[in-house]
Amino acid sequence: MGESVHKEELISLHQMLYEIKDYFEGSNPDLKFSEYHSLKINPAQLHKSKMEHKYAIFVLGNELANAMKDVEFSASGRISARMRELAAKTLKEMEYIQ
C-alpha cells in the first residue's frame, strides 16, 4: 500500500475486512480477533489517521488469514506471514512519525 492510496480507500478496505471478520465471528464463536480488537479502531472512526487504519488492516488481515488457515484454505499461511510483516513495518513507520 503505497503513499498514493487515499485514506478513503484504506477505510473502504478496512470496512470490507471488518465485514469478513464479522462473518467469521458469526460462524465460529471461538474466533476472537483479540489483537485487532485491542487496537480499539474500526472503519467508522474517520477521525483516526490513515496510518492507524493501515495498521489495523494488516493486523486484521493477519488474524483473518489465521482464521482461514484453521479451516484449511490454501495459501493462508503465506498471507498471514505477509500481513504480519506489513503490520510490523507499518508499526515502525508509525513510531518514526511520532
N, C-alpha and C. Protein backbone atom coordinates (compact mmCIF):
# COMPACT_ATOMS: atom_id res chain seq x y z
N MET A 1 0.84 -1.18 0.00
CA MET A 1 0.00 0.00 0.00
C MET A 1 0.88 1.22 0.00
N GLY A 2 1.09 1.77 -1.17
CA GLY A 2 1.95 2.92 -1.31
C GLY A 2 1.28 4.19 -0.84
N GLU A 3 2.04 5.25 -0.86
CA GLU A 3 1.53 6.54 -0.41
C GLU A 3 0.42 7.08 -1.29
N SER A 4 0.28 6.53 -2.49
CA SER A 4 -0.75 7.03 -3.39
C SER A 4 -2.16 6.56 -3.00
N VAL A 5 -2.24 5.64 -2.06
CA VAL A 5 -3.54 5.16 -1.59
C VAL A 5 -4.15 6.24 -0.70
N HIS A 6 -5.38 6.61 -1.00
CA HIS A 6 -6.05 7.65 -0.23
C HIS A 6 -6.67 7.06 1.03
N LYS A 7 -6.86 7.90 2.02
CA LYS A 7 -7.44 7.47 3.29
C LYS A 7 -8.81 6.82 3.06
N GLU A 8 -9.61 7.39 2.15
CA GLU A 8 -10.94 6.84 1.89
C GLU A 8 -10.85 5.40 1.37
N GLU A 9 -9.84 5.14 0.55
CA GLU A 9 -9.64 3.78 0.01
C GLU A 9 -9.24 2.82 1.11
N LEU A 10 -8.38 3.28 2.02
CA LEU A 10 -7.98 2.44 3.14
C LEU A 10 -9.17 2.12 4.03
N ILE A 11 -10.00 3.12 4.26
CA ILE A 11 -11.18 2.91 5.10
C ILE A 11 -12.14 1.93 4.43
N SER A 12 -12.27 2.01 3.11
CA SER A 12 -13.12 1.05 2.38
C SER A 12 -12.59 -0.37 2.53
N LEU A 13 -11.28 -0.53 2.39
CA LEU A 13 -10.67 -1.85 2.56
C LEU A 13 -10.85 -2.33 3.99
N HIS A 14 -10.64 -1.44 4.95
CA HIS A 14 -10.83 -1.76 6.36
C HIS A 14 -12.27 -2.26 6.59
N GLN A 15 -13.24 -1.57 5.98
CA GLN A 15 -14.65 -1.95 6.11
C GLN A 15 -14.90 -3.35 5.54
N MET A 16 -14.32 -3.64 4.38
CA MET A 16 -14.51 -4.97 3.78
C MET A 16 -13.94 -6.06 4.69
N LEU A 17 -12.74 -5.85 5.20
CA LEU A 17 -12.12 -6.84 6.09
C LEU A 17 -12.92 -6.97 7.38
N TYR A 18 -13.45 -5.86 7.86
CA TYR A 18 -14.27 -5.86 9.07
C TYR A 18 -15.51 -6.73 8.87
N GLU A 19 -16.12 -6.62 7.69
CA GLU A 19 -17.31 -7.42 7.40
C GLU A 19 -16.96 -8.91 7.29
N ILE A 20 -15.80 -9.22 6.75
CA ILE A 20 -15.34 -10.61 6.70
C ILE A 20 -15.11 -11.13 8.12
N LYS A 21 -14.51 -10.28 8.96
CA LYS A 21 -14.30 -10.63 10.38
C LYS A 21 -15.64 -10.95 11.04
N ASP A 22 -16.63 -10.09 10.82
CA ASP A 22 -17.96 -10.31 11.40
C ASP A 22 -18.54 -11.65 10.94
N TYR A 23 -18.35 -11.98 9.67
CA TYR A 23 -18.83 -13.25 9.13
C TYR A 23 -18.17 -14.42 9.86
N PHE A 24 -16.84 -14.36 9.98
CA PHE A 24 -16.11 -15.44 10.66
C PHE A 24 -16.54 -15.55 12.12
N GLU A 25 -16.70 -14.42 12.80
CA GLU A 25 -17.13 -14.44 14.21
C GLU A 25 -18.53 -15.04 14.34
N GLY A 26 -19.40 -14.72 13.36
CA GLY A 26 -20.76 -15.27 13.38
C GLY A 26 -20.80 -16.76 13.15
N SER A 27 -19.87 -17.26 12.32
CA SER A 27 -19.88 -18.69 12.01
C SER A 27 -19.02 -19.51 12.96
N ASN A 28 -18.15 -18.84 13.73
CA ASN A 28 -17.32 -19.55 14.69
C ASN A 28 -17.10 -18.68 15.92
N PRO A 29 -17.91 -18.88 16.96
CA PRO A 29 -17.83 -18.05 18.17
C PRO A 29 -16.49 -18.16 18.90
N ASP A 30 -15.69 -19.18 18.57
CA ASP A 30 -14.38 -19.33 19.22
C ASP A 30 -13.36 -18.32 18.70
N LEU A 31 -13.62 -17.75 17.53
CA LEU A 31 -12.68 -16.77 16.97
C LEU A 31 -12.84 -15.45 17.72
N LYS A 32 -11.72 -14.91 18.16
CA LYS A 32 -11.79 -13.69 18.99
C LYS A 32 -11.22 -12.44 18.32
N PHE A 33 -10.28 -12.56 17.38
CA PHE A 33 -9.64 -11.42 16.75
C PHE A 33 -9.14 -10.43 17.82
N SER A 34 -8.51 -10.99 18.84
CA SER A 34 -8.14 -10.20 20.02
C SER A 34 -7.12 -9.10 19.74
N GLU A 35 -6.15 -9.37 18.85
CA GLU A 35 -5.15 -8.34 18.56
C GLU A 35 -5.82 -7.15 17.87
N TYR A 36 -6.70 -7.46 16.92
CA TYR A 36 -7.42 -6.39 16.22
C TYR A 36 -8.31 -5.61 17.20
N HIS A 37 -9.07 -6.32 18.02
CA HIS A 37 -9.97 -5.64 18.96
C HIS A 37 -9.19 -4.77 19.95
N SER A 38 -7.97 -5.20 20.30
CA SER A 38 -7.18 -4.42 21.25
C SER A 38 -6.74 -3.07 20.68
N LEU A 39 -6.78 -2.93 19.34
CA LEU A 39 -6.41 -1.66 18.71
C LEU A 39 -7.46 -0.58 18.96
N LYS A 40 -8.68 -1.01 19.26
CA LYS A 40 -9.79 -0.08 19.51
C LYS A 40 -9.99 0.89 18.34
N ILE A 41 -10.01 0.32 17.14
CA ILE A 41 -10.26 1.11 15.94
C ILE A 41 -11.21 0.30 15.05
N ASN A 42 -12.13 0.99 14.41
CA ASN A 42 -12.99 0.33 13.44
C ASN A 42 -13.16 1.26 12.25
N PRO A 43 -13.68 0.74 11.14
CA PRO A 43 -13.76 1.54 9.92
C PRO A 43 -14.61 2.80 10.04
N ALA A 44 -15.52 2.84 10.99
CA ALA A 44 -16.39 4.00 11.15
C ALA A 44 -15.67 5.19 11.80
N GLN A 45 -14.49 4.95 12.35
CA GLN A 45 -13.77 6.01 13.05
C GLN A 45 -12.94 6.82 12.04
N LEU A 46 -13.61 7.72 11.36
CA LEU A 46 -12.99 8.50 10.30
C LEU A 46 -11.92 9.46 10.83
N HIS A 47 -12.00 9.79 12.12
CA HIS A 47 -11.02 10.71 12.70
C HIS A 47 -9.66 10.05 12.93
N LYS A 48 -9.62 8.72 12.91
CA LYS A 48 -8.33 8.02 13.08
C LYS A 48 -7.47 8.29 11.85
N SER A 49 -6.17 8.26 12.05
CA SER A 49 -5.26 8.59 10.95
C SER A 49 -5.21 7.50 9.88
N LYS A 50 -4.74 7.90 8.73
CA LYS A 50 -4.55 6.97 7.61
C LYS A 50 -3.64 5.82 8.06
N MET A 51 -2.56 6.15 8.79
CA MET A 51 -1.61 5.15 9.24
C MET A 51 -2.26 4.18 10.24
N GLU A 52 -3.13 4.68 11.10
CA GLU A 52 -3.81 3.81 12.06
C GLU A 52 -4.72 2.82 11.34
N HIS A 53 -5.44 3.29 10.33
CA HIS A 53 -6.29 2.39 9.55
C HIS A 53 -5.45 1.37 8.80
N LYS A 54 -4.33 1.81 8.26
CA LYS A 54 -3.43 0.91 7.53
C LYS A 54 -2.92 -0.19 8.46
N TYR A 55 -2.50 0.18 9.64
CA TYR A 55 -2.01 -0.79 10.62
C TYR A 55 -3.12 -1.77 10.99
N ALA A 56 -4.33 -1.25 11.23
CA ALA A 56 -5.47 -2.10 11.59
C ALA A 56 -5.77 -3.10 10.48
N ILE A 57 -5.64 -2.68 9.23
CA ILE A 57 -5.88 -3.56 8.08
C ILE A 57 -4.91 -4.73 8.11
N PHE A 58 -3.63 -4.46 8.36
CA PHE A 58 -2.64 -5.54 8.37
C PHE A 58 -2.83 -6.48 9.56
N VAL A 59 -3.15 -5.91 10.72
CA VAL A 59 -3.39 -6.75 11.90
C VAL A 59 -4.62 -7.62 11.66
N LEU A 60 -5.69 -7.02 11.17
CA LEU A 60 -6.91 -7.78 10.90
C LEU A 60 -6.68 -8.80 9.79
N GLY A 61 -5.94 -8.41 8.76
CA GLY A 61 -5.61 -9.35 7.68
C GLY A 61 -4.87 -10.57 8.19
N ASN A 62 -3.94 -10.35 9.10
CA ASN A 62 -3.19 -11.45 9.70
C ASN A 62 -4.13 -12.38 10.46
N GLU A 63 -5.00 -11.80 11.28
CA GLU A 63 -5.90 -12.63 12.07
C GLU A 63 -6.92 -13.35 11.18
N LEU A 64 -7.38 -12.69 10.12
CA LEU A 64 -8.28 -13.36 9.18
C LEU A 64 -7.59 -14.53 8.49
N ALA A 65 -6.34 -14.33 8.09
CA ALA A 65 -5.58 -15.41 7.45
C ALA A 65 -5.41 -16.58 8.40
N ASN A 66 -5.17 -16.28 9.67
CA ASN A 66 -5.07 -17.37 10.67
C ASN A 66 -6.39 -18.09 10.83
N ALA A 67 -7.49 -17.35 10.81
CA ALA A 67 -8.82 -17.98 10.91
C ALA A 67 -9.07 -18.86 9.70
N MET A 68 -8.67 -18.39 8.52
CA MET A 68 -8.85 -19.18 7.29
C MET A 68 -7.98 -20.44 7.33
N LYS A 69 -6.80 -20.31 7.90
CA LYS A 69 -5.89 -21.45 8.00
C LYS A 69 -6.54 -22.58 8.80
N ASP A 70 -7.29 -22.17 9.81
CA ASP A 70 -7.96 -23.16 10.67
C ASP A 70 -8.98 -23.97 9.89
N VAL A 71 -9.53 -23.41 8.83
CA VAL A 71 -10.47 -24.17 8.01
C VAL A 71 -9.82 -24.63 6.71
N GLU A 72 -8.50 -24.62 6.72
CA GLU A 72 -7.68 -25.22 5.66
C GLU A 72 -7.83 -24.59 4.28
N PHE A 73 -7.92 -23.27 4.23
CA PHE A 73 -7.85 -22.60 2.94
C PHE A 73 -6.39 -22.62 2.50
N SER A 74 -6.15 -22.83 1.22
CA SER A 74 -4.77 -22.86 0.75
C SER A 74 -4.18 -21.46 0.75
N ALA A 75 -2.90 -21.39 0.96
CA ALA A 75 -2.10 -20.17 0.90
C ALA A 75 -2.33 -19.21 2.07
N SER A 76 -3.21 -19.53 3.00
CA SER A 76 -3.47 -18.59 4.08
C SER A 76 -2.27 -18.41 5.00
N GLY A 77 -1.42 -19.43 5.11
CA GLY A 77 -0.21 -19.30 5.92
C GLY A 77 0.71 -18.23 5.36
N ARG A 78 0.86 -18.20 4.04
CA ARG A 78 1.69 -17.17 3.40
C ARG A 78 1.06 -15.79 3.56
N ILE A 79 -0.26 -15.74 3.45
CA ILE A 79 -0.96 -14.46 3.62
C ILE A 79 -0.74 -13.95 5.04
N SER A 80 -0.88 -14.84 6.01
CA SER A 80 -0.70 -14.47 7.41
C SER A 80 0.70 -13.92 7.65
N ALA A 81 1.71 -14.62 7.14
CA ALA A 81 3.10 -14.17 7.32
C ALA A 81 3.31 -12.80 6.68
N ARG A 82 2.76 -12.58 5.51
CA ARG A 82 2.91 -11.30 4.82
C ARG A 82 2.20 -10.17 5.58
N MET A 83 1.01 -10.45 6.08
CA MET A 83 0.28 -9.43 6.84
C MET A 83 1.05 -9.08 8.12
N ARG A 84 1.63 -10.09 8.77
CA ARG A 84 2.41 -9.85 9.98
C ARG A 84 3.61 -8.96 9.65
N GLU A 85 4.29 -9.25 8.53
CA GLU A 85 5.42 -8.44 8.07
C GLU A 85 5.00 -6.99 7.83
N LEU A 86 3.90 -6.82 7.10
CA LEU A 86 3.43 -5.48 6.76
C LEU A 86 2.96 -4.72 8.00
N ALA A 87 2.35 -5.42 8.95
CA ALA A 87 1.92 -4.78 10.20
C ALA A 87 3.15 -4.28 10.96
N ALA A 88 4.19 -5.11 11.06
CA ALA A 88 5.41 -4.72 11.77
C ALA A 88 6.06 -3.51 11.10
N LYS A 89 6.11 -3.52 9.77
CA LYS A 89 6.71 -2.41 9.02
C LYS A 89 5.91 -1.13 9.25
N THR A 90 4.59 -1.23 9.22
CA THR A 90 3.74 -0.05 9.42
C THR A 90 3.87 0.48 10.84
N LEU A 91 3.97 -0.43 11.83
CA LEU A 91 4.14 0.00 13.22
C LEU A 91 5.44 0.79 13.36
N LYS A 92 6.50 0.33 12.72
CA LYS A 92 7.78 1.06 12.76
C LYS A 92 7.61 2.45 12.14
N GLU A 93 6.88 2.52 11.02
CA GLU A 93 6.63 3.82 10.37
C GLU A 93 5.85 4.74 11.29
N MET A 94 4.86 4.17 12.01
CA MET A 94 4.05 4.99 12.92
C MET A 94 4.92 5.53 14.06
N GLU A 95 5.81 4.69 14.59
CA GLU A 95 6.69 5.11 15.68
C GLU A 95 7.66 6.19 15.20
N TYR A 96 8.11 6.07 13.94
CA TYR A 96 9.03 7.05 13.37
C TYR A 96 8.37 8.41 13.22
N ILE A 97 7.10 8.40 12.83
CA ILE A 97 6.35 9.65 12.61
C ILE A 97 6.12 10.39 13.93
N GLN A 98 5.86 9.64 14.99
CA GLN A 98 5.50 10.28 16.28
C GLN A 98 6.67 10.80 17.00
